[in-house]
Amino acid sequence: MPDDSVPRTLRTPEALVAAGLLPPDRAAAAAEVARRYAIAVTPAAAALIDPADPADPIARQYIPDAAELVTAPGEIEDPTADAPFTPVKGIVRRYPDRALLKPLLACPVYCRFCFRREVVGPDGGLLTESELEAAIAWLAATPAIREVVLTGGDPLMLSARRLGWLVARLSAIPHVEIIRVHSRVPVADPARVTAALVAALETEKAFFLCVHANHAREFSPGAAAALRRLNRAGVVLLGQSVLLSGVNDDAAALEALFRAMLRHRVKPYYLHQLDPAPGTARFHVPEAEGLRLVAGLRGRLSGLGQPLYVKETAGGGGKVPVRGA
């Protein structure tokens, strides 16, 4: 029998209401959202939310809202244009020297602003054995690829055994020099960062883990322990964030976020302009405001705390720095 005393990931509006994270009068609208977009709030993420604060920045990232069903002008289902740059299932190649590998499309939490929100979900979108072998074979047969970025979904949702197998297979490709993993797990579900999972990341290749966090409060004691475990194993930690209205769109919030990263030995790497996925308009921050905020960090933070403010170019052209007019 399952142990009902063990906190579980909240996956339905009813569960969010029962946990006090969603007002009952918003449950019907949230159910409409859930029919289109996945919901998941881990116990670790739920513990960071202040239910008494209607503007809580952690809740805003994870709790469904009726506004998600309104598609604003300019919003598109595939804003980063993954599909046109997919030579085989699971691979995205927008740059000559690197490629994404998406072994699964499951995440510990589902961000309400996610640019892949149309495809991620609890069914996992896990590549079959033959699909994964085909993806690895494509990487091995493409010598221009020097860097493989494991993303999804969240690669750290794989079992330690499966993750270790995948890292070993990629490490065995001679022309692959760098392996990078993008993950929310260390802050959203830090208990998953076990000794076995950390050991699975061992490789002689250059290895980087990009931790996605958008608010300083995400660096909980549990997250701190997970990041310390990774750091002690020699994993180089980078930070990536999305500029989000109501979450981190003021100078104090950004400064606190990047200082929190540095305290936990995470180098701020990218601050992303929001990708225009359907139903994400409530998170949009104009680029001019983003540039003002980034400029305001100069002189308040050392160069170590200054990420590059970037955006995706139309049609899958890749990331470029956001520049003023």
Protein backbone atom coordinates (compact mmCIF):
# COMPACT_ATOMS: atom_id res chain seq x y z
CA MET A 1 0.00 0.00 0.00
CA PRO A 2 1.28 3.53 -0.76
CA ASP A 3 2.33 5.60 2.22
CA ASP A 4 -0.15 8.50 2.38
CA SER A 5 2.07 10.28 4.91
CA VAL A 6 4.75 10.89 2.25
CA PRO A 7 4.18 14.21 0.43
CA ARG A 8 3.47 13.75 -3.26
CA THR A 9 3.69 15.94 -6.31
CA LEU A 10 0.44 17.87 -6.77
CA ARG A 11 -0.91 17.21 -10.26
CA THR A 12 -4.54 18.35 -10.28
CA PRO A 13 -6.49 21.49 -9.39
CA GLU A 14 -8.23 19.48 -6.67
CA ALA A 15 -4.88 18.62 -5.10
CA LEU A 16 -3.78 22.26 -5.27
CA VAL A 17 -7.02 23.38 -3.59
CA ALA A 18 -6.61 20.75 -0.86
CA ALA A 19 -3.05 21.97 -0.24
CA GLY A 20 -4.25 25.55 0.09
CA LEU A 21 -2.32 26.67 -3.00
CA LEU A 22 -5.31 27.40 -5.26
CA PRO A 23 -8.45 29.28 -4.18
CA PRO A 24 -11.54 27.08 -4.60
CA ASP A 25 -13.19 29.69 -6.82
CA ARG A 26 -10.34 29.26 -9.35
CA ALA A 27 -10.55 25.46 -9.48
CA ALA A 28 -12.95 25.26 -12.43
CA ALA A 29 -10.79 27.56 -14.56
CA ALA A 30 -7.67 25.62 -13.54
CA ALA A 31 -9.37 22.40 -14.63
CA GLU A 32 -9.87 23.93 -18.08
CA VAL A 33 -6.17 24.80 -18.19
CA ALA A 34 -5.24 21.28 -17.06
CA ARG A 35 -7.01 19.80 -20.06
CA ARG A 36 -4.41 21.47 -22.27
CA TYR A 37 -1.30 21.94 -20.13
CA ALA A 38 0.26 19.66 -17.54
CA ILE A 39 0.34 20.55 -13.83
CA ALA A 40 2.99 19.42 -11.34
CA VAL A 41 4.12 21.06 -8.13
CA THR A 42 6.62 19.02 -6.12
CA PRO A 43 6.53 19.03 -2.31
CA ALA A 44 9.77 21.03 -2.36
CA ALA A 45 8.26 23.69 -4.64
CA ALA A 46 4.98 23.76 -2.72
CA ALA A 47 6.86 24.39 0.52
CA LEU A 48 8.28 27.60 -0.93
CA ILE A 49 4.86 29.11 -1.68
CA ASP A 50 3.20 31.55 0.70
CA PRO A 51 -0.53 30.77 0.32
CA ALA A 52 -1.41 34.06 2.02
CA ASP A 53 0.32 36.08 -0.70
CA PRO A 54 -1.78 36.37 -3.88
CA ALA A 55 1.30 37.71 -5.68
CA ASP A 56 3.70 35.02 -4.47
CA PRO A 57 6.49 34.73 -7.08
CA ILE A 58 6.90 30.97 -6.66
CA ALA A 59 3.17 30.28 -6.98
CA ARG A 60 3.05 32.44 -10.10
CA GLN A 61 5.54 30.13 -11.79
CA TYR A 62 3.66 26.87 -11.09
CA ILE A 63 -0.03 27.42 -10.23
CA PRO A 64 -2.33 27.32 -13.30
CA ASP A 65 -4.26 30.44 -14.29
CA ALA A 66 -7.18 31.01 -16.67
CA ALA A 67 -5.03 33.48 -18.64
CA GLU A 68 -3.10 30.52 -20.04
CA LEU A 69 -6.00 29.75 -22.36
CA VAL A 70 -5.79 33.18 -24.03
CA THR A 71 -3.33 33.27 -26.93
CA ALA A 72 -2.01 36.79 -27.51
CA PRO A 73 -0.90 38.11 -30.91
CA GLY A 74 2.57 36.82 -31.76
CA GLU A 75 2.40 33.75 -29.52
CA ILE A 76 3.12 30.46 -31.30
CA GLU A 77 3.18 26.77 -30.33
CA ASP A 78 6.86 26.25 -31.23
CA PRO A 79 8.51 29.60 -30.48
CA THR A 80 12.05 28.24 -30.63
CA ALA A 81 11.32 26.38 -33.90
CA ASP A 82 12.46 22.95 -32.71
CA ALA A 83 10.51 21.07 -35.38
CA PRO A 84 12.23 22.41 -38.52
CA PHE A 85 15.65 21.67 -37.03
CA THR A 86 14.99 18.07 -35.99
CA PRO A 87 16.98 15.68 -38.23
CA VAL A 88 15.91 12.65 -36.17
CA LYS A 89 13.47 12.35 -33.30
CA GLY A 90 14.93 13.75 -30.07
CA ILE A 91 17.62 15.87 -31.76
CA VAL A 92 17.46 19.62 -32.42
CA ARG A 93 20.33 21.26 -34.30
CA ARG A 94 20.24 25.02 -34.73
CA TYR A 95 23.98 25.63 -34.59
CA PRO A 96 26.79 23.99 -36.59
CA ASP A 97 28.79 22.76 -33.58
CA ARG A 98 26.13 21.69 -31.05
CA ALA A 99 22.84 19.86 -30.78
CA LEU A 100 20.11 19.29 -28.26
CA LEU A 101 19.20 15.76 -27.22
CA LYS A 102 15.75 15.42 -25.62
CA PRO A 103 15.58 11.91 -24.13
CA LEU A 104 12.24 12.63 -22.42
CA LEU A 105 9.63 15.37 -22.08
CA ALA A 106 8.75 14.94 -18.40
CA CYS A 107 9.66 17.52 -15.72
CA PRO A 108 9.49 17.60 -11.92
CA VAL A 109 7.37 20.78 -12.18
CA TYR A 110 5.56 22.37 -15.12
CA CYS A 111 6.29 26.07 -15.43
CA ARG A 112 3.32 28.13 -16.60
CA PHE A 113 5.60 30.07 -18.99
CA CYS A 114 7.37 27.07 -20.56
CA PHE A 115 8.21 27.41 -24.26
CA ARG A 116 7.65 23.66 -24.72
CA ARG A 117 4.39 23.64 -22.75
CA GLU A 118 2.51 22.17 -25.72
CA VAL A 119 4.57 18.95 -25.63
CA VAL A 120 5.81 18.34 -22.08
CA GLY A 121 3.73 16.30 -19.66
CA PRO A 122 3.51 13.41 -17.23
CA ASP A 123 3.42 10.76 -19.95
CA GLY A 124 7.08 11.62 -20.32
CA GLY A 125 7.50 11.59 -24.07
CA LEU A 126 10.30 9.13 -23.40
CA LEU A 127 12.30 8.14 -26.47
CA THR A 128 12.03 4.44 -27.20
CA GLU A 129 15.18 2.34 -27.19
CA SER A 130 15.37 2.43 -30.98
CA GLU A 131 14.69 6.20 -31.12
CA LEU A 132 17.41 6.90 -28.57
CA GLU A 133 19.86 4.67 -30.42
CA ALA A 134 19.03 6.50 -33.66
CA ALA A 135 19.62 9.87 -31.99
CA ILE A 136 22.99 8.75 -30.59
CA ALA A 137 23.92 7.29 -33.97
CA TRP A 138 23.13 10.63 -35.63
CA LEU A 139 25.40 12.43 -33.15
CA ALA A 140 28.17 9.90 -33.72
CA ALA A 141 27.85 10.30 -37.50
CA THR A 142 27.98 14.10 -37.39
CA PRO A 143 31.59 15.06 -36.59
CA ALA A 144 30.84 18.80 -36.57
CA ILE A 145 28.95 18.31 -33.29
CA ARG A 146 31.31 19.17 -30.44
CA GLU A 147 28.70 19.84 -27.72
CA VAL A 148 25.58 17.90 -26.77
CA VAL A 149 22.96 19.60 -24.60
CA LEU A 150 20.69 17.22 -22.69
CA THR A 151 17.34 18.89 -22.24
CA GLY A 152 13.68 18.00 -22.64
CA GLY A 153 11.77 17.85 -20.38
CA ASP A 154 14.30 17.45 -17.63
CA PRO A 155 17.13 14.92 -18.10
CA LEU A 156 17.56 14.51 -14.34
CA MET A 157 14.13 12.87 -14.27
CA LEU A 158 15.82 9.81 -15.78
CA SER A 159 16.85 7.06 -13.40
CA ALA A 160 20.47 7.20 -12.28
CA ARG A 161 21.13 3.98 -14.20
CA ARG A 162 19.66 5.34 -17.44
CA LEU A 163 21.32 8.71 -17.06
CA GLY A 164 24.71 7.12 -16.43
CA TRP A 165 24.29 4.94 -19.51
CA LEU A 166 23.44 7.97 -21.63
CA VAL A 167 26.35 10.07 -20.35
CA ALA A 168 28.70 7.14 -21.01
CA ARG A 169 27.39 6.69 -24.57
CA LEU A 170 27.83 10.38 -25.35
CA SER A 171 31.27 10.39 -23.74
CA ALA A 172 32.34 7.57 -26.06
CA ILE A 173 31.78 9.73 -29.17
CA PRO A 174 35.29 11.05 -30.00
CA HIS A 175 34.26 14.41 -31.46
CA VAL A 176 31.90 15.27 -28.59
CA GLU A 177 33.99 17.50 -26.31
CA ILE A 178 31.30 19.00 -24.06
CA ILE A 179 28.18 17.58 -22.42
CA ARG A 180 25.72 20.03 -20.93
CA VAL A 181 22.57 19.27 -18.92
CA HIS A 182 19.71 21.73 -18.39
CA SER A 183 17.65 21.01 -15.29
CA ARG A 184 15.15 22.35 -12.76
CA VAL A 185 15.63 19.33 -10.48
CA PRO A 186 18.25 20.76 -8.06
CA VAL A 187 15.85 23.53 -6.97
CA ALA A 188 12.43 22.01 -7.73
CA ASP A 189 13.00 18.44 -6.53
CA PRO A 190 16.39 18.39 -4.78
CA ALA A 191 15.79 15.00 -3.15
CA ARG A 192 16.34 13.45 -6.60
CA VAL A 193 19.98 14.57 -6.49
CA THR A 194 21.18 11.40 -4.80
CA ALA A 195 24.72 10.07 -4.62
CA ALA A 196 23.78 7.61 -7.38
CA LEU A 197 22.50 10.38 -9.67
CA VAL A 198 25.63 12.47 -9.08
CA ALA A 199 27.81 9.45 -9.85
CA ALA A 200 25.90 8.96 -13.10
CA LEU A 201 27.21 12.32 -14.34
CA GLU A 202 30.86 11.23 -14.11
CA THR A 203 32.70 11.71 -17.41
CA GLU A 204 36.14 12.61 -18.69
CA LYS A 205 34.55 15.11 -21.08
CA ALA A 206 33.92 18.73 -20.11
CA PHE A 207 30.59 18.67 -18.23
CA PHE A 208 28.30 21.53 -17.25
CA LEU A 209 24.97 21.54 -15.42
CA CYS A 210 22.74 24.56 -16.07
CA VAL A 211 20.34 25.07 -13.18
CA HIS A 212 17.10 26.88 -14.04
CA ALA A 213 15.96 29.17 -11.22
CA ASN A 214 14.05 32.46 -11.37
CA HIS A 215 13.79 33.65 -7.77
CA ALA A 216 16.19 33.71 -4.82
CA ARG A 217 13.74 31.78 -2.63
CA GLU A 218 14.17 28.73 -4.87
CA PHE A 219 17.58 28.21 -3.22
CA SER A 220 16.12 26.41 -0.22
CA PRO A 221 18.18 24.37 2.26
CA GLY A 222 17.32 21.28 0.23
CA ALA A 223 18.48 22.93 -2.99
CA ALA A 224 21.66 24.09 -1.24
CA ALA A 225 22.44 20.50 -0.20
CA ALA A 226 21.80 19.18 -3.73
CA LEU A 227 24.02 21.82 -5.32
CA ARG A 228 26.76 21.21 -2.75
CA ARG A 229 26.65 17.49 -3.56
CA LEU A 230 27.05 18.24 -7.28
CA ASN A 231 29.77 20.80 -6.71
CA ARG A 232 31.80 18.47 -4.49
CA ALA A 233 31.70 15.89 -7.28
CA GLY A 234 33.32 18.39 -9.62
CA VAL A 235 30.21 19.34 -11.61
CA VAL A 236 30.51 22.86 -13.01
CA LEU A 237 27.27 24.71 -12.21
CA LEU A 238 25.80 27.46 -14.38
CA GLY A 239 22.56 29.35 -13.81
CA GLN A 240 19.87 30.25 -16.30
CA SER A 241 16.77 32.29 -15.63
CA VAL A 242 13.82 33.75 -17.51
CA LEU A 243 12.86 37.39 -17.01
CA LEU A 244 9.27 37.14 -15.75
CA SER A 245 6.74 39.79 -14.84
CA GLY A 246 5.63 39.37 -11.25
CA VAL A 247 8.52 37.05 -10.43
CA ASN A 248 11.85 38.80 -10.94
CA ASP A 249 11.19 41.95 -12.98
CA ASP A 250 12.77 44.42 -10.58
CA ALA A 251 16.40 45.18 -9.79
CA ALA A 252 16.23 43.96 -6.20
CA ALA A 253 14.74 40.59 -7.17
CA LEU A 254 17.31 40.02 -9.91
CA GLU A 255 20.18 41.03 -7.65
CA ALA A 256 18.95 38.68 -4.93
CA LEU A 257 18.58 35.84 -7.46
CA PHE A 258 22.08 36.17 -8.86
CA ARG A 259 23.62 36.61 -5.41
CA ALA A 260 21.85 33.43 -4.31
CA MET A 261 23.30 31.60 -7.30
CA LEU A 262 26.82 32.78 -6.51
CA ARG A 263 26.50 31.80 -2.84
CA HIS A 264 25.74 28.27 -4.01
CA ARG A 265 28.62 28.24 -6.53
CA VAL A 266 26.33 28.63 -9.52
CA LYS A 267 27.63 31.09 -12.14
CA PRO A 268 24.76 33.14 -13.67
CA TYR A 269 24.97 32.30 -17.37
CA TYR A 270 21.83 33.37 -19.27
CA LEU A 271 18.91 35.65 -18.48
CA HIS A 272 16.33 34.76 -21.12
CA GLN A 273 13.76 37.05 -22.64
CA LEU A 274 10.45 35.16 -22.44
CA ASP A 275 9.73 32.97 -25.47
CA PRO A 276 6.23 33.73 -26.86
CA ALA A 277 4.51 30.42 -26.13
CA PRO A 278 0.69 30.44 -26.12
CA GLY A 279 -0.92 31.84 -22.97
CA THR A 280 2.23 33.38 -21.49
CA ALA A 281 1.49 37.09 -22.04
CA ARG A 282 1.06 37.76 -18.31
CA PHE A 283 4.77 36.98 -17.83
CA HIS A 284 6.03 39.25 -20.62
CA VAL A 285 8.52 41.99 -19.77
CA PRO A 286 9.30 44.44 -22.61
CA GLU A 287 12.88 44.22 -23.85
CA ALA A 288 13.47 47.92 -23.08
CA GLU A 289 12.55 47.25 -19.45
CA GLY A 290 14.79 44.18 -19.40
CA LEU A 291 17.71 46.22 -20.70
CA ARG A 292 17.08 48.85 -18.02
CA LEU A 293 17.07 46.20 -15.30
CA VAL A 294 20.24 44.53 -16.57
CA ALA A 295 22.00 47.88 -16.83
CA GLY A 296 20.98 48.59 -13.24
CA LEU A 297 22.85 45.50 -12.06
CA ARG A 298 26.16 46.92 -13.24
CA GLY A 299 27.90 48.40 -10.27
CA ARG A 300 25.67 46.44 -7.88
CA LEU A 301 27.08 43.02 -8.76
CA SER A 302 30.54 41.90 -9.78
CA GLY A 303 31.11 40.45 -13.21
CA LEU A 304 30.64 36.99 -11.73
CA GLY A 305 26.97 37.81 -11.13
CA GLN A 306 26.21 39.27 -14.57
CA PRO A 307 24.44 36.82 -16.92
CA LEU A 308 24.08 37.50 -20.63
CA TYR A 309 20.58 38.81 -21.45
CA VAL A 310 19.48 36.86 -24.54
CA LYS A 311 16.48 36.13 -26.74
CA GLU A 312 15.61 33.58 -29.41
CA THR A 313 15.59 34.86 -32.97
CA ALA A 314 12.65 34.16 -35.24
CA GLY A 315 12.54 30.91 -37.19
CA GLY A 316 15.01 29.02 -35.04
CA GLY A 317 17.99 31.28 -35.67
CA GLY A 318 19.26 30.70 -32.15
CA LYS A 319 20.02 32.99 -29.21
CA VAL A 320 21.37 36.50 -29.58
CA PRO A 321 22.06 39.19 -26.98
CA VAL A 322 19.21 41.62 -26.42
CA ARG A 323 20.33 45.03 -27.64
CA GLY A 324 18.86 48.49 -27.31
CA ALA A 325 17.24 50.24 -30.25
